[in-house]
Amino acid sequence: MNLNITGHHIEVTEAIRGYTAEKLDRVVRHFDNVTSVNVILSIDKLKQKADATVHVRGKDIHVESVDTDLYAAIDALADKLDRQIQKYKQKNAGYNHDSHKFAVER
């Protein structure tokens, strides 16, 4: 997995980079077909925003989270991304099983 973390109006320190990588590692454990992840961390007055785009085979999944604390925004981002990846994984697994079942019944 290729992880790219950038900051908009914020300097991405090693602590933030390590925390983000640790949280997004959970996503990779759930789904092996993740090719790359682009994360953009930004600050706008009192809002801390975290955006992530995950590139998987056949689809790009985009998730964003806004909070007053950057670490809380990263936590919420990881939770949302985990749910979206699991949803995509179950949807793909359903297609494979249904098409196989249809081919056998013919």
C-alpha atoms as a PDB file:
ATOM      1  CA  MET A   1       0.000   0.000   0.000  1.00  0.00           C
ATOM      2  CA  ASN A   2       1.245   3.441  -0.917  1.00  0.00           C
ATOM      3  CA  LEU A   3       0.387   6.017   1.774  1.00  0.00           C
ATOM      4  CA  ASN A   4       0.602   9.737   0.929  1.00  0.00           C
ATOM      5  CA  ILE A   5      -0.080  12.232   3.736  1.00  0.00           C
ATOM      6  CA  THR A   6      -0.112  15.950   2.962  1.00  0.00           C
ATOM      7  CA  GLY A   7      -1.031  19.025   4.957  1.00  0.00           C
ATOM      8  CA  HIS A   8      -2.918  22.125   3.922  1.00  0.00           C
ATOM      9  CA  HIS A   9      -2.107  25.064   6.242  1.00  0.00           C
ATOM     10  CA  ILE A  10      -0.488  22.577   8.630  1.00  0.00           C
ATOM     11  CA  GLU A  11       2.911  20.997   8.993  1.00  0.00           C
ATOM     12  CA  VAL A  12       2.622  17.209   9.085  1.00  0.00           C
ATOM     13  CA  THR A  13       4.881  16.073  11.918  1.00  0.00           C
ATOM     14  CA  GLU A  14       6.182  12.569  12.466  1.00  0.00           C
ATOM     15  CA  ALA A  15       3.704  12.097  15.336  1.00  0.00           C
ATOM     16  CA  ILE A  16       0.733  12.960  13.113  1.00  0.00           C
ATOM     17  CA  ARG A  17       2.130  10.859  10.269  1.00  0.00           C
ATOM     18  CA  GLY A  18       2.649   7.850  12.547  1.00  0.00           C
ATOM     19  CA  TYR A  19      -0.798   8.200  14.147  1.00  0.00           C
ATOM     20  CA  THR A  20      -2.497   8.403  10.749  1.00  0.00           C
ATOM     21  CA  ALA A  21      -0.547   5.420   9.404  1.00  0.00           C
ATOM     22  CA  GLU A  22      -1.426   3.387  12.509  1.00  0.00           C
ATOM     23  CA  LYS A  23      -5.143   4.154  12.157  1.00  0.00           C
ATOM     24  CA  LEU A  24      -5.204   3.412   8.418  1.00  0.00           C
ATOM     25  CA  ASP A  25      -3.325   0.148   8.911  1.00  0.00           C
ATOM     26  CA  ARG A  26      -6.601  -1.305  10.215  1.00  0.00           C
ATOM     27  CA  VAL A  27      -8.198  -0.672   6.814  1.00  0.00           C
ATOM     28  CA  VAL A  28      -5.484  -2.630   5.026  1.00  0.00           C
ATOM     29  CA  ARG A  29      -5.923  -5.570   7.397  1.00  0.00           C
ATOM     30  CA  HIS A  30      -9.604  -5.781   6.430  1.00  0.00           C
ATOM     31  CA  PHE A  31      -9.073  -5.542   2.678  1.00  0.00           C
ATOM     32  CA  ASP A  32      -5.947  -6.583   0.761  1.00  0.00           C
ATOM     33  CA  ASN A  33      -6.709  -4.916  -2.576  1.00  0.00           C
ATOM     34  CA  VAL A  34      -5.917  -1.354  -1.442  1.00  0.00           C
ATOM     35  CA  THR A  35      -3.337   0.055  -3.860  1.00  0.00           C
ATOM     36  CA  SER A  36      -2.868   3.563  -2.473  1.00  0.00           C
ATOM     37  CA  VAL A  37      -4.246   5.987   0.098  1.00  0.00           C
ATOM     38  CA  ASN A  38      -4.058   9.789  -0.184  1.00  0.00           C
ATOM     39  CA  VAL A  39      -4.728  11.712   3.026  1.00  0.00           C
ATOM     40  CA  ILE A  40      -5.065  15.504   3.211  1.00  0.00           C
ATOM     41  CA  LEU A  41      -5.064  17.126   6.645  1.00  0.00           C
ATOM     42  CA  SER A  42      -6.167  20.755   6.779  1.00  0.00           C
ATOM     43  CA  ILE A  43      -7.019  23.497   9.250  1.00  0.00           C
ATOM     44  CA  ASP A  44      -9.637  26.182   8.660  1.00  0.00           C
ATOM     45  CA  LYS A  45      -9.983  28.521  11.661  1.00  0.00           C
ATOM     46  CA  LEU A  46     -11.389  26.245  14.385  1.00  0.00           C
ATOM     47  CA  LYS A  47     -12.160  23.238  12.178  1.00  0.00           C
ATOM     48  CA  GLN A  48      -9.699  20.409  11.699  1.00  0.00           C
ATOM     49  CA  LYS A  49     -10.439  18.416   8.554  1.00  0.00           C
ATOM     50  CA  ALA A  50      -9.142  15.052   7.364  1.00  0.00           C
ATOM     51  CA  ASP A  51      -9.842  13.802   3.813  1.00  0.00           C
ATOM     52  CA  ALA A  52      -8.853  10.405   2.469  1.00  0.00           C
ATOM     53  CA  THR A  53      -9.128   8.843  -0.956  1.00  0.00           C
ATOM     54  CA  VAL A  54      -8.541   5.103  -1.106  1.00  0.00           C
ATOM     55  CA  HIS A  55      -7.787   3.537  -4.459  1.00  0.00           C
ATOM     56  CA  VAL A  56      -8.961  -0.058  -4.717  1.00  0.00           C
ATOM     57  CA  ARG A  57      -9.302  -2.204  -7.778  1.00  0.00           C
ATOM     58  CA  GLY A  58     -12.280  -0.886  -9.724  1.00  0.00           C
ATOM     59  CA  LYS A  59     -13.208   2.031  -7.469  1.00  0.00           C
ATOM     60  CA  ASP A  60     -12.019   5.076  -5.540  1.00  0.00           C
ATOM     61  CA  ILE A  61     -13.499   5.604  -2.085  1.00  0.00           C
ATOM     62  CA  HIS A  62     -13.510   9.153  -0.688  1.00  0.00           C
ATOM     63  CA  VAL A  63     -14.160   9.931   2.978  1.00  0.00           C
ATOM     64  CA  GLU A  64     -13.865  13.166   4.953  1.00  0.00           C
ATOM     65  CA  SER A  65     -14.195  14.075   8.596  1.00  0.00           C
ATOM     66  CA  VAL A  66     -14.342  17.430  10.417  1.00  0.00           C
ATOM     67  CA  ASP A  67     -13.765  17.959  14.139  1.00  0.00           C
ATOM     68  CA  THR A  68     -12.304  20.502  16.548  1.00  0.00           C
ATOM     69  CA  ASP A  69      -9.361  18.188  17.317  1.00  0.00           C
ATOM     70  CA  LEU A  70      -7.152  16.800  14.536  1.00  0.00           C
ATOM     71  CA  TYR A  71      -6.662  13.442  16.242  1.00  0.00           C
ATOM     72  CA  ALA A  72     -10.434  13.052  16.721  1.00  0.00           C
ATOM     73  CA  ALA A  73     -10.914  13.885  13.022  1.00  0.00           C
ATOM     74  CA  ILE A  74      -8.385  11.183  12.089  1.00  0.00           C
ATOM     75  CA  ASP A  75     -10.170   8.670  14.356  1.00  0.00           C
ATOM     76  CA  ALA A  76     -13.536   9.462  12.769  1.00  0.00           C
ATOM     77  CA  LEU A  77     -11.969   9.254   9.313  1.00  0.00           C
ATOM     78  CA  ALA A  78     -10.562   5.793  10.043  1.00  0.00           C
ATOM     79  CA  ASP A  79     -13.946   4.583  11.343  1.00  0.00           C
ATOM     80  CA  LYS A  80     -15.817   5.889   8.292  1.00  0.00           C
ATOM     81  CA  LEU A  81     -13.229   4.460   5.944  1.00  0.00           C
ATOM     82  CA  ASP A  82     -13.348   1.074   7.659  1.00  0.00           C
ATOM     83  CA  ARG A  83     -17.141   0.933   7.247  1.00  0.00           C
ATOM     84  CA  GLN A  84     -16.937   1.942   3.572  1.00  0.00           C
ATOM     85  CA  ILE A  85     -14.224  -0.648   2.832  1.00  0.00           C
ATOM     86  CA  GLN A  86     -16.193  -3.420   4.538  1.00  0.00           C
ATOM     87  CA  LYS A  87     -19.320  -2.392   2.615  1.00  0.00           C
ATOM     88  CA  TYR A  88     -17.393  -2.468  -0.670  1.00  0.00           C
ATOM     89  CA  LYS A  89     -15.838  -5.821   0.216  1.00  0.00           C
ATOM     90  CA  GLN A  90     -19.231  -7.399   1.013  1.00  0.00           C
ATOM     91  CA  LYS A  91     -20.722  -5.961  -2.162  1.00  0.00           C
ATOM     92  CA  ASN A  92     -17.920  -7.446  -4.263  1.00  0.00           C
ATOM     93  CA  ALA A  93     -18.167 -10.809  -2.508  1.00  0.00           C
ATOM     94  CA  GLY A  94     -21.910 -10.864  -3.218  1.00  0.00           C
ATOM     95  CA  TYR A  95     -21.366 -10.304  -6.919  1.00  0.00           C
ATOM     96  CA  ASN A  96     -18.854 -13.109  -7.198  1.00  0.00           C
ATOM     97  CA  HIS A  97     -21.058 -15.624  -5.422  1.00  0.00           C
ATOM     98  CA  ASP A  98     -24.220 -14.686  -7.300  1.00  0.00           C
ATOM     99  CA  SER A  99     -22.590 -14.888 -10.714  1.00  0.00           C
ATOM    100  CA  HIS A 100     -21.104 -18.282  -9.881  1.00  0.00           C
ATOM    101  CA  LYS A 101     -24.463 -19.560  -8.648  1.00  0.00           C
ATOM    102  CA  PHE A 102     -26.182 -18.333 -11.801  1.00  0.00           C
ATOM    103  CA  ALA A 103     -23.620 -20.054 -14.030  1.00  0.00           C
ATOM    104  CA  VAL A 104     -24.076 -23.374 -12.181  1.00  0.00           C
ATOM    105  CA  GLU A 105     -27.889 -23.283 -12.388  1.00  0.00           C
ATOM    106  CA  ARG A 106     -27.929 -22.945 -16.171  1.00  0.00           C
END
